[in-house]
């Protein structure tokens, strides 16, 4: 399901000159997980989004299925777990894995991420079991709270700032796109009356977010069982 949404000032047409107050051009970027054939967003940057300053050494970051477990019944009791790691990356502990999807829990000790995270392997669905905070990404600033399902498309650059208090997340990582169920949409993509959710339930980012000027943005990129530290240009102006 796609619908039109915008933040900030944009040019009247796509792919035309769009200048900053000093006369220089904004850098236009098309973001999509399926190239030109899927759902996409047009972003306009102050700085070149491709101006990566360096690429760090790959760090192993993956999980392996318990092959000897077989089909034994298992009760995963996670309610009593207070923390699963120091930061958001190390606290992501996957419990269920197959070739299409991974599901796990995340209860980090740190409430403010010191870097951005970019998952190049798949879309993410994050359920906030406990907690309240703000999600920052190149799409803007989104306030999140207990009971929210947060859909983060593949390659989104994001970080969280959580308030003090209990924090428990359920994280699902999907190799395919996370979309609304086809049987709940009509031929034009509108959600049907019998759908368990509707457009009123969807909250996009409410405001833009721009990092300090000319300061590289620390970012950890996840790709093919590894994490790589990659300083990125400051993120976003308008979309």
C-alpha atoms as a PDB file:
ATOM      1  CA  UNK A   1       0.000   0.000   0.000  1.00  0.00           C
ATOM      2  CA  UNK A   2       1.379   3.414  -0.967  1.00  0.00           C
ATOM      3  CA  UNK A   3       0.079   6.904  -0.322  1.00  0.00           C
ATOM      4  CA  UNK A   4       1.573  10.336  -0.907  1.00  0.00           C
ATOM      5  CA  UNK A   5       3.335  12.075   1.957  1.00  0.00           C
ATOM      6  CA  UNK A   6       5.802  14.961   2.069  1.00  0.00           C
ATOM      7  CA  UNK A   7       7.838  16.981   4.548  1.00  0.00           C
ATOM      8  CA  UNK A   8       9.492  20.345   3.866  1.00  0.00           C
ATOM      9  CA  UNK A   9       9.674  22.307   0.638  1.00  0.00           C
ATOM     10  CA  UNK A  10      10.067  20.372  -2.610  1.00  0.00           C
ATOM     11  CA  UNK A  11      10.325  21.355  -6.298  1.00  0.00           C
ATOM     12  CA  UNK A  12       7.134  21.284  -8.432  1.00  0.00           C
ATOM     13  CA  UNK A  13       8.471  18.387 -10.547  1.00  0.00           C
ATOM     14  CA  UNK A  14      10.795  15.471  -9.931  1.00  0.00           C
ATOM     15  CA  UNK A  15      14.346  15.362 -11.317  1.00  0.00           C
ATOM     16  CA  UNK A  16      14.682  19.088 -11.964  1.00  0.00           C
ATOM     17  CA  UNK A  17      17.019  21.710 -10.520  1.00  0.00           C
ATOM     18  CA  UNK A  18      16.283  22.467  -6.884  1.00  0.00           C
ATOM     19  CA  UNK A  19      18.622  24.998  -5.321  1.00  0.00           C
ATOM     20  CA  UNK A  20      19.610  25.808  -1.761  1.00  0.00           C
ATOM     21  CA  UNK A  21      19.539  29.407  -0.465  1.00  0.00           C
ATOM     22  CA  UNK A  22      23.234  29.818  -1.382  1.00  0.00           C
ATOM     23  CA  UNK A  23      22.532  28.789  -4.991  1.00  0.00           C
ATOM     24  CA  UNK A  24      24.013  25.298  -4.802  1.00  0.00           C
ATOM     25  CA  UNK A  25      21.917  22.308  -5.777  1.00  0.00           C
ATOM     26  CA  UNK A  26      20.180  19.995  -3.355  1.00  0.00           C
ATOM     27  CA  UNK A  27      21.206  16.379  -3.958  1.00  0.00           C
ATOM     28  CA  UNK A  28      18.224  14.287  -5.042  1.00  0.00           C
ATOM     29  CA  UNK A  29      18.139  10.625  -4.030  1.00  0.00           C
ATOM     30  CA  UNK A  30      15.617   7.940  -4.962  1.00  0.00           C
ATOM     31  CA  UNK A  31      15.255   5.316  -2.210  1.00  0.00           C
ATOM     32  CA  UNK A  32      13.649   1.976  -3.055  1.00  0.00           C
ATOM     33  CA  UNK A  33      14.147  -1.693  -2.199  1.00  0.00           C
ATOM     34  CA  UNK A  34      13.079  -2.780  -5.717  1.00  0.00           C
ATOM     35  CA  UNK A  35      14.811  -0.210  -7.872  1.00  0.00           C
ATOM     36  CA  UNK A  36      12.495   1.709 -10.205  1.00  0.00           C
ATOM     37  CA  UNK A  37       9.732  -0.919 -10.117  1.00  0.00           C
ATOM     38  CA  UNK A  38       8.730  -0.780  -6.434  1.00  0.00           C
ATOM     39  CA  UNK A  39       7.570   1.717  -3.828  1.00  0.00           C
ATOM     40  CA  UNK A  40      10.040   4.571  -3.576  1.00  0.00           C
ATOM     41  CA  UNK A  41      10.740   7.931  -1.930  1.00  0.00           C
ATOM     42  CA  UNK A  42      12.492  10.990  -3.340  1.00  0.00           C
ATOM     43  CA  UNK A  43      14.841  12.617  -0.811  1.00  0.00           C
ATOM     44  CA  UNK A  44      16.665  15.952  -1.139  1.00  0.00           C
ATOM     45  CA  UNK A  45      19.965  16.327   0.727  1.00  0.00           C
ATOM     46  CA  UNK A  46      22.111  19.298   1.673  1.00  0.00           C
ATOM     47  CA  UNK A  47      25.196  17.081   1.363  1.00  0.00           C
ATOM     48  CA  UNK A  48      25.990  14.326  -1.124  1.00  0.00           C
ATOM     49  CA  UNK A  49      24.575  11.099   0.428  1.00  0.00           C
ATOM     50  CA  UNK A  50      27.243   9.052  -1.408  1.00  0.00           C
ATOM     51  CA  UNK A  51      30.187  10.913   0.114  1.00  0.00           C
ATOM     52  CA  UNK A  52      31.342   8.089   2.410  1.00  0.00           C
ATOM     53  CA  UNK A  53      34.640   9.061   4.051  1.00  0.00           C
ATOM     54  CA  UNK A  54      35.887   5.553   4.911  1.00  0.00           C
ATOM     55  CA  UNK A  55      34.840   1.901   5.260  1.00  0.00           C
ATOM     56  CA  UNK A  56      35.872  -0.097   8.296  1.00  0.00           C
ATOM     57  CA  UNK A  57      36.820  -3.765   8.567  1.00  0.00           C
ATOM     58  CA  UNK A  58      33.915  -6.269   8.612  1.00  0.00           C
ATOM     59  CA  UNK A  59      32.930  -7.562  12.055  1.00  0.00           C
ATOM     60  CA  UNK A  60      31.150 -10.959  12.209  1.00  0.00           C
ATOM     61  CA  UNK A  61      27.505 -10.463  13.146  1.00  0.00           C
ATOM     62  CA  UNK A  62      25.160 -13.395  12.589  1.00  0.00           C
ATOM     63  CA  UNK A  63      23.211 -16.196  14.218  1.00  0.00           C
ATOM     64  CA  UNK A  64      23.102 -19.895  13.428  1.00  0.00           C
ATOM     65  CA  UNK A  65      20.153 -22.205  13.907  1.00  0.00           C
ATOM     66  CA  UNK A  66      20.407 -24.982  16.469  1.00  0.00           C
ATOM     67  CA  UNK A  67      20.529 -27.833  13.948  1.00  0.00           C
ATOM     68  CA  UNK A  68      20.355 -30.552  16.606  1.00  0.00           C
ATOM     69  CA  UNK A  69      17.188 -29.089  18.113  1.00  0.00           C
ATOM     70  CA  UNK A  70      14.927 -30.770  15.590  1.00  0.00           C
ATOM     71  CA  UNK A  71      11.174 -30.467  16.102  1.00  0.00           C
ATOM     72  CA  UNK A  72      11.186 -30.472  19.892  1.00  0.00           C
ATOM     73  CA  UNK A  73       8.578 -28.196  21.449  1.00  0.00           C
ATOM     74  CA  UNK A  74      10.056 -25.092  23.037  1.00  0.00           C
ATOM     75  CA  UNK A  75       8.662 -22.427  25.351  1.00  0.00           C
ATOM     76  CA  UNK A  76      10.703 -19.224  25.027  1.00  0.00           C
ATOM     77  CA  UNK A  77      10.276 -17.379  28.328  1.00  0.00           C
ATOM     78  CA  UNK A  78      11.574 -13.867  27.663  1.00  0.00           C
ATOM     79  CA  UNK A  79       9.382 -11.787  30.004  1.00  0.00           C
ATOM     80  CA  UNK A  80      11.859 -11.999  32.878  1.00  0.00           C
ATOM     81  CA  UNK A  81      14.885 -10.862  30.855  1.00  0.00           C
ATOM     82  CA  UNK A  82      15.878  -7.336  31.896  1.00  0.00           C
ATOM     83  CA  UNK A  83      18.703  -6.654  29.409  1.00  0.00           C
ATOM     84  CA  UNK A  84      20.144  -8.514  26.427  1.00  0.00           C
ATOM     85  CA  UNK A  85      23.226  -6.379  25.743  1.00  0.00           C
ATOM     86  CA  UNK A  86      24.878  -3.016  26.199  1.00  0.00           C
ATOM     87  CA  UNK A  87      23.811  -1.212  23.020  1.00  0.00           C
ATOM     88  CA  UNK A  88      21.166  -1.662  20.315  1.00  0.00           C
ATOM     89  CA  UNK A  89      23.439  -3.748  18.073  1.00  0.00           C
ATOM     90  CA  UNK A  90      24.797  -6.201  20.632  1.00  0.00           C
ATOM     91  CA  UNK A  91      21.402  -6.464  22.349  1.00  0.00           C
ATOM     92  CA  UNK A  92      19.655  -7.837  19.256  1.00  0.00           C
ATOM     93  CA  UNK A  93      19.337 -11.532  20.126  1.00  0.00           C
ATOM     94  CA  UNK A  94      17.593 -13.615  17.476  1.00  0.00           C
ATOM     95  CA  UNK A  95      15.630 -16.625  18.722  1.00  0.00           C
ATOM     96  CA  UNK A  96      13.829 -17.976  15.630  1.00  0.00           C
ATOM     97  CA  UNK A  97      15.564 -18.250  12.257  1.00  0.00           C
ATOM     98  CA  UNK A  98      14.872 -19.604   8.779  1.00  0.00           C
ATOM     99  CA  UNK A  99      15.748 -18.596   5.245  1.00  0.00           C
ATOM    100  CA  UNK A 100      13.041 -15.935   5.038  1.00  0.00           C
ATOM    101  CA  UNK A 101      12.803 -14.320   8.448  1.00  0.00           C
ATOM    102  CA  UNK A 102      14.446 -13.894  11.847  1.00  0.00           C
ATOM    103  CA  UNK A 103      12.690 -12.991  15.107  1.00  0.00           C
ATOM    104  CA  UNK A 104      14.289 -11.999  18.384  1.00  0.00           C
ATOM    105  CA  UNK A 105      14.307  -9.686  21.369  1.00  0.00           C
ATOM    106  CA  UNK A 106      16.248  -6.528  22.166  1.00  0.00           C
ATOM    107  CA  UNK A 107      16.542  -4.895  25.588  1.00  0.00           C
ATOM    108  CA  UNK A 108      19.643  -2.661  25.522  1.00  0.00           C
ATOM    109  CA  UNK A 109      21.156  -1.026  28.583  1.00  0.00           C
ATOM    110  CA  UNK A 110      21.963   2.181  26.704  1.00  0.00           C
ATOM    111  CA  UNK A 111      18.985   4.377  25.944  1.00  0.00           C
ATOM    112  CA  UNK A 112      20.624   6.636  23.334  1.00  0.00           C
ATOM    113  CA  UNK A 113      22.306   5.166  20.256  1.00  0.00           C
ATOM    114  CA  UNK A 114      25.689   6.773  19.577  1.00  0.00           C
ATOM    115  CA  UNK A 115      25.574   5.837  15.901  1.00  0.00           C
ATOM    116  CA  UNK A 116      23.106   5.180  13.108  1.00  0.00           C
ATOM    117  CA  UNK A 117      22.260   1.658  11.921  1.00  0.00           C
ATOM    118  CA  UNK A 118      21.571   0.509   8.361  1.00  0.00           C
ATOM    119  CA  UNK A 119      20.269  -2.984   7.607  1.00  0.00           C
ATOM    120  CA  UNK A 120      21.093  -3.862   4.010  1.00  0.00           C
ATOM    121  CA  UNK A 121      19.850  -7.450   4.373  1.00  0.00           C
ATOM    122  CA  UNK A 122      16.126  -6.926   4.862  1.00  0.00           C
ATOM    123  CA  UNK A 123      13.137  -4.974   6.128  1.00  0.00           C
ATOM    124  CA  UNK A 124      12.592  -4.742   9.874  1.00  0.00           C
ATOM    125  CA  UNK A 125       9.434  -4.781  11.976  1.00  0.00           C
ATOM    126  CA  UNK A 126       9.989  -3.632  15.556  1.00  0.00           C
ATOM    127  CA  UNK A 127       7.279  -4.061  18.175  1.00  0.00           C
ATOM    128  CA  UNK A 128       7.647  -1.828  21.242  1.00  0.00           C
ATOM    129  CA  UNK A 129       6.612  -4.093  24.124  1.00  0.00           C
ATOM    130  CA  UNK A 130       7.829  -1.553  26.684  1.00  0.00           C
ATOM    131  CA  UNK A 131       9.395   1.834  26.120  1.00  0.00           C
ATOM    132  CA  UNK A 132       8.950   5.298  24.678  1.00  0.00           C
ATOM    133  CA  UNK A 133      11.285   7.407  22.592  1.00  0.00           C
ATOM    134  CA  UNK A 134      12.141   8.889  19.203  1.00  0.00           C
ATOM    135  CA  UNK A 135      13.262   7.280  15.954  1.00  0.00           C
ATOM    136  CA  UNK A 136      15.562   9.442  13.791  1.00  0.00           C
ATOM    137  CA  UNK A 137      16.148   8.560  10.137  1.00  0.00           C
ATOM    138  CA  UNK A 138      16.693  10.181   6.749  1.00  0.00           C
ATOM    139  CA  UNK A 139      12.876  10.288   6.541  1.00  0.00           C
ATOM    140  CA  UNK A 140      12.571  12.475   9.644  1.00  0.00           C
ATOM    141  CA  UNK A 141      11.686  12.278  13.313  1.00  0.00           C
ATOM    142  CA  UNK A 142       9.080   9.790  14.573  1.00  0.00           C
ATOM    143  CA  UNK A 143       7.863   9.527  18.156  1.00  0.00           C
ATOM    144  CA  UNK A 144       7.302   5.899  19.183  1.00  0.00           C
ATOM    145  CA  UNK A 145       5.662   4.391  22.243  1.00  0.00           C
ATOM    146  CA  UNK A 146       4.506   1.156  23.840  1.00  0.00           C
ATOM    147  CA  UNK A 147       2.298  -0.900  21.528  1.00  0.00           C
ATOM    148  CA  UNK A 148       3.689   0.534  18.271  1.00  0.00           C
ATOM    149  CA  UNK A 149       4.760  -1.583  15.317  1.00  0.00           C
ATOM    150  CA  UNK A 150       7.618   0.230  13.548  1.00  0.00           C
ATOM    151  CA  UNK A 151       8.241  -0.721   9.917  1.00  0.00           C
ATOM    152  CA  UNK A 152      11.801   0.114   8.819  1.00  0.00           C
ATOM    153  CA  UNK A 153      12.432  -0.591   5.111  1.00  0.00           C
ATOM    154  CA  UNK A 154      15.718  -2.106   3.977  1.00  0.00           C
ATOM    155  CA  UNK A 155      18.683   0.377   3.825  1.00  0.00           C
ATOM    156  CA  UNK A 156      16.975   2.982   6.052  1.00  0.00           C
ATOM    157  CA  UNK A 157      19.595   4.822   8.124  1.00  0.00           C
ATOM    158  CA  UNK A 158      18.207   5.198  11.643  1.00  0.00           C
ATOM    159  CA  UNK A 159      18.858   5.449  15.363  1.00  0.00           C
ATOM    160  CA  UNK A 160      16.754   5.483  18.535  1.00  0.00           C
ATOM    161  CA  UNK A 161      16.716   7.718  21.598  1.00  0.00           C
ATOM    162  CA  UNK A 162      14.716   6.066  24.378  1.00  0.00           C
ATOM    163  CA  UNK A 163      13.463   7.594  27.592  1.00  0.00           C
ATOM    164  CA  UNK A 164      14.413   6.098  30.946  1.00  0.00           C
ATOM    165  CA  UNK A 165      12.282   3.192  32.111  1.00  0.00           C
ATOM    166  CA  UNK A 166      11.580  -0.379  30.986  1.00  0.00           C
ATOM    167  CA  UNK A 167      12.598  -1.087  27.384  1.00  0.00           C
ATOM    168  CA  UNK A 168      11.757  -4.319  25.558  1.00  0.00           C
ATOM    169  CA  UNK A 169      11.589  -4.745  21.792  1.00  0.00           C
ATOM    170  CA  UNK A 170      10.541  -7.617  19.544  1.00  0.00           C
ATOM    171  CA  UNK A 171      12.501  -7.435  16.277  1.00  0.00           C
ATOM    172  CA  UNK A 172      11.551  -9.221  13.061  1.00  0.00           C
ATOM    173  CA  UNK A 173      13.942  -9.095  10.106  1.00  0.00           C
ATOM    174  CA  UNK A 174      12.483 -10.172   6.758  1.00  0.00           C
ATOM    175  CA  UNK A 175      14.426 -11.032   3.599  1.00  0.00           C
ATOM    176  CA  UNK A 176      11.388  -9.878   1.577  1.00  0.00           C
ATOM    177  CA  UNK A 177       9.509  -6.574   1.801  1.00  0.00           C
ATOM    178  CA  UNK A 178       7.170  -6.037   4.753  1.00  0.00           C
ATOM    179  CA  UNK A 179       3.850  -4.875   3.283  1.00  0.00           C
ATOM    180  CA  UNK A 180       0.164  -4.844   4.099  1.00  0.00           C
ATOM    181  CA  UNK A 181      -1.559  -8.161   3.398  1.00  0.00           C
ATOM    182  CA  UNK A 182      -2.918  -8.328  -0.160  1.00  0.00           C
ATOM    183  CA  UNK A 183      -6.334  -9.696   0.882  1.00  0.00           C
ATOM    184  CA  UNK A 184      -6.881  -6.568   2.999  1.00  0.00           C
ATOM    185  CA  UNK A 185      -6.401  -4.178   0.029  1.00  0.00           C
ATOM    186  CA  UNK A 186      -8.690  -3.274  -2.852  1.00  0.00           C
ATOM    187  CA  UNK A 187      -7.446  -3.009  -6.442  1.00  0.00           C
ATOM    188  CA  UNK A 188      -6.278   0.584  -5.832  1.00  0.00           C
ATOM    189  CA  UNK A 189      -4.327  -0.265  -2.671  1.00  0.00           C
ATOM    190  CA  UNK A 190      -6.816   1.166  -0.151  1.00  0.00           C
ATOM    191  CA  UNK A 191      -7.290  -0.920   2.997  1.00  0.00           C
ATOM    192  CA  UNK A 192     -10.664  -2.662   3.068  1.00  0.00           C
ATOM    193  CA  UNK A 193     -13.330  -2.348   5.754  1.00  0.00           C
ATOM    194  CA  UNK A 194     -12.645  -5.799   7.203  1.00  0.00           C
ATOM    195  CA  UNK A 195      -8.918  -5.125   7.555  1.00  0.00           C
ATOM    196  CA  UNK A 196      -7.724  -5.292  11.214  1.00  0.00           C
ATOM    197  CA  UNK A 197      -5.894  -1.999  10.655  1.00  0.00           C
ATOM    198  CA  UNK A 198      -6.473   1.040   8.446  1.00  0.00           C
ATOM    199  CA  UNK A 199      -4.757   4.194   7.226  1.00  0.00           C
ATOM    200  CA  UNK A 200      -5.652   5.989  10.487  1.00  0.00           C
ATOM    201  CA  UNK A 201      -3.283   3.664  12.329  1.00  0.00           C
ATOM    202  CA  UNK A 202      -0.265   4.672  10.234  1.00  0.00           C
ATOM    203  CA  UNK A 203       1.938   7.447  11.645  1.00  0.00           C
ATOM    204  CA  UNK A 204       4.755   8.645   9.365  1.00  0.00           C
ATOM    205  CA  UNK A 205       7.562  10.910  10.651  1.00  0.00           C
ATOM    206  CA  UNK A 206       6.109  14.185  11.880  1.00  0.00           C
ATOM    207  CA  UNK A 207       9.079  16.500  11.367  1.00  0.00           C
ATOM    208  CA  UNK A 208      12.416  16.666   9.593  1.00  0.00           C
ATOM    209  CA  UNK A 209      15.760  15.998  11.224  1.00  0.00           C
ATOM    210  CA  UNK A 210      19.133  17.334  10.098  1.00  0.00           C
ATOM    211  CA  UNK A 211      22.447  16.400  11.695  1.00  0.00           C
ATOM    212  CA  UNK A 212      25.002  19.163  12.475  1.00  0.00           C
ATOM    213  CA  UNK A 213      26.494  20.655   9.327  1.00  0.00           C
ATOM    214  CA  UNK A 214      29.636  19.009   7.872  1.00  0.00           C
ATOM    215  CA  UNK A 215      29.887  16.507  10.732  1.00  0.00           C
ATOM    216  CA  UNK A 216      30.165  12.885   9.466  1.00  0.00           C
ATOM    217  CA  UNK A 217      27.427  10.656  10.839  1.00  0.00           C
ATOM    218  CA  UNK A 218      28.719   7.454  12.515  1.00  0.00           C
ATOM    219  CA  UNK A 219      26.879   4.503  10.958  1.00  0.00           C
ATOM    220  CA  UNK A 220      27.001   0.719  11.320  1.00  0.00           C
ATOM    221  CA  UNK A 221      26.036  -1.176   8.165  1.00  0.00           C
ATOM    222  CA  UNK A 222      24.753  -4.763   8.440  1.00  0.00           C
ATOM    223  CA  UNK A 223      25.322  -6.875   5.338  1.00  0.00           C
ATOM    224  CA  UNK A 224      25.735 -10.634   4.816  1.00  0.00           C
ATOM    225  CA  UNK A 225      26.539 -11.742   8.381  1.00  0.00           C
ATOM    226  CA  UNK A 226      28.844  -8.794   9.050  1.00  0.00           C
ATOM    227  CA  UNK A 227      28.704  -5.280  10.459  1.00  0.00           C
ATOM    228  CA  UNK A 228      30.840  -2.492   9.021  1.00  0.00           C
ATOM    229  CA  UNK A 229      31.457   0.934  10.565  1.00  0.00           C
ATOM    230  CA  UNK A 230      31.004   3.567   7.870  1.00  0.00           C
ATOM    231  CA  UNK A 231      30.949   7.335   8.583  1.00  0.00           C
ATOM    232  CA  UNK A 232      28.172   8.808   6.420  1.00  0.00           C
ATOM    233  CA  UNK A 233      27.370  12.382   5.345  1.00  0.00           C
ATOM    234  CA  UNK A 234      24.950  14.265   7.628  1.00  0.00           C
ATOM    235  CA  UNK A 235      21.382  13.056   6.968  1.00  0.00           C
ATOM    236  CA  UNK A 236      18.474  14.675   5.505  1.00  0.00           C
ATOM    237  CA  UNK A 237      16.798  17.916   4.738  1.00  0.00           C
ATOM    238  CA  UNK A 238      13.478  17.309   2.947  1.00  0.00           C
ATOM    239  CA  UNK A 239      11.504  14.619   1.141  1.00  0.00           C
END
